[in-house]
Protein backbone atom coordinates (compact mmCIF):
# COMPACT_ATOMS: atom_id res chain seq x y z
CA UNK A 1 17.49 9.40 21.95
CA UNK A 2 15.53 8.38 19.00
CA UNK A 3 17.48 9.15 15.55
CA UNK A 4 16.23 12.30 13.52
CA UNK A 5 14.75 10.82 10.14
CA UNK A 6 16.18 12.82 7.11
CA UNK A 7 12.46 13.63 6.37
CA UNK A 8 12.37 16.05 9.64
CA UNK A 9 12.57 19.71 8.00
CA UNK A 10 13.60 22.96 9.81
CA UNK A 11 10.34 25.53 8.41
CA UNK A 12 10.94 28.24 10.40
CA UNK A 13 12.13 30.41 7.48
CA UNK A 14 8.90 29.65 5.91
CA UNK A 15 7.00 30.69 8.34
CA UNK A 16 8.13 33.84 8.76
CA UNK A 17 7.81 34.49 5.11
CA UNK A 18 3.83 33.59 4.49
CA UNK A 19 3.80 33.03 0.65
CA UNK A 20 7.58 31.73 0.61
CA UNK A 21 7.84 28.32 -1.06
CA UNK A 22 10.52 25.84 -0.97
CA UNK A 23 11.47 23.00 -2.99
CA UNK A 24 12.86 19.69 -1.93
CA UNK A 25 13.87 16.31 -3.10
CA UNK A 26 14.19 13.33 -1.00
CA UNK A 27 15.36 9.65 -1.87
CA UNK A 28 15.70 7.37 1.11
CA UNK A 29 15.04 3.82 2.01
CA UNK A 30 12.33 3.43 4.23
CA UNK A 31 11.41 0.45 6.45
CA UNK A 32 7.96 -1.66 7.15
CA UNK A 33 6.31 -0.48 4.05
CA UNK A 34 4.35 -3.88 3.55
CA UNK A 35 0.26 -4.44 2.48
CA UNK A 36 -1.12 -7.77 2.29
CA UNK A 37 -0.05 -8.80 -1.00
CA UNK A 38 3.25 -6.53 -1.87
CA UNK A 39 5.72 -4.13 -0.34
CA UNK A 40 8.58 -1.79 -1.19
CA UNK A 41 11.68 -3.89 -1.42
CA UNK A 42 14.23 -3.68 1.77
CA UNK A 43 16.57 -1.34 0.70
CA UNK A 44 14.80 0.25 -2.12
CA UNK A 45 14.64 4.17 -1.84
CA UNK A 46 11.45 5.96 -1.68
CA UNK A 47 11.29 9.55 -3.48
CA UNK A 48 9.66 12.47 -2.57
CA UNK A 49 9.68 15.55 -4.46
CA UNK A 50 7.78 18.40 -2.53
CA UNK A 51 7.43 21.79 -2.53
CA UNK A 52 6.94 23.53 0.91
CA UNK A 53 4.83 26.73 1.46
CA UNK A 54 4.31 29.02 4.16
CA UNK A 55 0.32 29.95 4.22
CA UNK A 56 -1.91 31.15 6.91
CA UNK A 57 -2.06 28.42 10.10
CA UNK A 58 1.11 26.35 8.73
CA UNK A 59 2.77 25.12 5.98
CA UNK A 60 1.56 23.49 2.78
CA UNK A 61 2.94 20.44 1.21
CA UNK A 62 2.86 19.71 -2.46
CA UNK A 63 4.49 17.30 -4.38
CA UNK A 64 5.12 13.45 -5.81
CA UNK A 65 6.10 10.25 -4.45
CA UNK A 66 7.27 8.11 -6.46
CA UNK A 67 8.39 4.42 -5.21
CA UNK A 68 9.14 0.60 -6.78
CA UNK A 69 6.89 -2.54 -5.19
CA UNK A 70 7.27 -6.18 -5.72
CA UNK A 71 4.90 -8.99 -4.67
CA UNK A 72 3.48 -12.25 -5.82
CA UNK A 73 0.91 -12.35 -8.52
CA UNK A 74 -2.70 -13.29 -7.21
CA UNK A 75 -3.36 -15.21 -10.16
CA UNK A 76 -0.57 -17.27 -10.94
CA UNK A 77 1.97 -16.50 -7.80
CA UNK A 78 4.87 -15.61 -9.95
CA UNK A 79 6.76 -12.63 -8.87
CA UNK A 80 4.70 -9.38 -9.92
CA UNK A 81 6.40 -6.02 -9.58
CA UNK A 82 5.65 -1.82 -10.41
CA UNK A 83 6.02 0.89 -9.52
CA UNK A 84 3.78 4.14 -8.74
CA UNK A 85 3.83 7.92 -8.62
CA UNK A 86 1.25 9.27 -6.54
CA UNK A 87 0.58 12.99 -6.06
CA UNK A 88 0.55 14.47 -2.39
CA UNK A 89 -0.97 18.24 -1.38
CA UNK A 90 -1.20 18.09 2.51
CA UNK A 91 -1.43 20.60 5.77
CA UNK A 92 1.17 20.59 8.64
CA UNK A 93 -0.63 23.12 11.44
CA UNK A 94 0.56 23.26 15.05
CA UNK A 95 -1.24 21.12 17.58
CA UNK A 96 -2.60 18.90 14.92
CA UNK A 97 -4.20 15.59 16.10
CA UNK A 98 -3.08 14.00 12.94
CA UNK A 99 -6.41 12.92 11.69
CA UNK A 100 -6.91 16.05 9.00
CA UNK A 101 -3.27 17.70 9.12
CA UNK A 102 0.05 16.61 10.04
CA UNK A 103 1.60 17.96 13.01
CA UNK A 104 4.04 21.27 12.90
CA UNK A 105 5.96 20.83 16.08
CA UNK A 106 7.49 24.18 16.47
CA UNK A 107 9.25 24.97 13.36
CA UNK A 108 9.93 21.02 12.32
CA UNK A 109 7.77 19.36 9.78
CA UNK A 110 8.36 15.67 9.38
CA UNK A 111 7.31 14.44 6.26
CA UNK A 112 7.96 10.83 6.93
CA UNK A 113 4.32 10.05 7.75
CA UNK A 114 3.26 11.55 4.86
CA UNK A 115 5.35 9.69 2.24
CA UNK A 116 4.40 6.52 4.45
CA UNK A 117 0.73 7.03 4.59
CA UNK A 118 0.89 7.77 0.64
CA UNK A 119 2.75 4.50 0.08
CA UNK A 120 0.75 2.16 1.97
CA UNK A 121 -2.29 3.72 0.18
CA UNK A 122 -0.90 2.88 -3.06
CA UNK A 123 0.52 -0.49 -2.71
CA UNK A 124 -1.15 -2.66 -4.52
CA UNK A 125 -3.38 -5.47 -2.48
CA UNK A 126 -3.80 -8.28 -4.37
CA UNK A 127 -1.14 -7.78 -7.42
CA UNK A 128 -1.07 -9.05 -10.98
CA UNK A 129 2.11 -9.79 -12.76
CA UNK A 130 0.64 -8.39 -16.13
CA UNK A 131 -3.08 -7.38 -17.04
CA UNK A 132 -3.72 -10.96 -19.10
CA UNK A 133 -2.29 -13.02 -16.84
CA UNK A 134 -4.53 -16.17 -16.84
CA UNK A 135 -3.66 -17.90 -13.45
CA UNK A 136 -3.51 -21.17 -12.08
CA UNK A 137 -5.97 -23.95 -12.93
CA UNK A 138 -7.92 -24.46 -10.03
CA UNK A 139 -8.02 -28.71 -10.89
CA UNK A 140 -4.49 -29.29 -11.88
CA UNK A 141 -2.67 -26.21 -10.73
CA UNK A 142 -0.91 -25.85 -14.40
CA UNK A 143 0.09 -22.47 -15.00
CA UNK A 144 -1.96 -20.97 -17.80
CA UNK A 145 0.17 -18.41 -19.08
CA UNK A 146 2.63 -21.28 -19.77
CA UNK A 147 0.72 -23.88 -20.89
CA UNK A 148 -2.68 -25.58 -21.74
CA UNK A 149 -3.95 -28.03 -19.38
CA UNK A 150 -6.97 -30.86 -19.94
CA UNK A 151 -9.52 -29.87 -17.20
CA UNK A 152 -13.00 -28.71 -18.73
CA UNK A 153 -14.43 -25.93 -16.89
CA UNK A 154 -15.62 -25.98 -13.02
CA UNK A 155 -18.81 -27.31 -12.96
CA UNK A 156 -20.80 -26.34 -9.98
CA UNK A 157 -22.92 -28.82 -8.05
CA UNK A 158 -25.67 -26.77 -6.90
CA UNK A 159 -26.70 -27.26 -10.93
CA UNK A 160 -26.05 -30.37 -11.14
CA UNK A 161 -30.19 -31.05 -10.93
CA UNK A 162 -30.20 -28.96 -13.61
CA UNK A 163 -28.44 -31.06 -16.06
CA UNK A 164 -30.62 -34.24 -15.72
CA UNK A 165 -33.24 -32.21 -17.14
CA UNK A 166 -31.63 -32.39 -20.70
CA UNK A 167 -29.83 -34.66 -22.32
CA UNK A 168 -26.18 -34.20 -23.32
CA UNK A 169 -25.89 -32.04 -26.37
CA UNK A 170 -24.82 -33.78 -29.59
CA UNK A 171 -21.72 -32.55 -31.29
CA UNK A 172 -22.47 -31.26 -34.84
CA UNK A 173 -20.80 -29.29 -37.41
CA UNK A 174 -22.34 -25.30 -36.48
CA UNK A 175 -24.36 -24.25 -39.56
CA UNK A 176 -25.39 -20.44 -40.62
CA UNK A 177 -28.63 -19.71 -39.16
CA UNK A 178 -31.17 -17.88 -41.57
CA UNK A 179 -34.08 -15.28 -40.82
CA UNK A 180 -36.73 -18.19 -41.72
CA UNK A 181 -34.87 -20.57 -39.12
CA UNK A 182 -35.63 -18.01 -36.47
CA UNK A 183 -38.77 -17.35 -37.53
CA UNK A 184 -39.87 -20.85 -37.26
CA UNK A 185 -38.29 -21.28 -33.80
CA UNK A 186 -39.88 -18.47 -32.58
CA UNK A 187 -43.44 -19.79 -33.84
CA UNK A 188 -42.88 -23.06 -32.08
CA UNK A 189 -41.74 -21.10 -28.97
CA UNK A 190 -45.46 -19.79 -28.88
CA UNK A 191 -46.66 -16.23 -27.25
CA UNK A 192 -45.27 -15.25 -24.09
CA UNK A 193 -46.68 -13.70 -20.97
CA UNK A 194 -45.70 -11.18 -18.87
């Protein structure tokens, strides 16, 4: 015998009174809520705050799913965490194939697939510890959020032949550019054709 989910609800009384609404809230842990880069930590509850309403042809569920997540930052590999609140609006109908609507079996509605789908679609696949994370240096591995490394920008070998065309620029102090300087450089460049 399979254990009955706490998200299974008997909606027989709703179905007998079209238009009747029923508000419920659940806070329960769920297993296996994992995507590539993040997961809902084991034992942490997922909250469903939903209004079930009897409508022609089934039961409508309108509400919010709230949960916390944890993972590794995609740039610096430090721990990343956050919380998500996602709105849900779904239908439960008899004879559903589970594609467009969720199944209504007899007078029972199982809200667990709705919660699971909402969580898995909103978990970040490539989380960040914070939006301005500078990540790791690809050359030496220094965490750029903590320290500055001496590595220069990575050069793309495909452009190396172009570097041969121009000598390395001489280092000099920047100076202000006047309008006359711009006009003379334009004249020196000559006319352009399109």
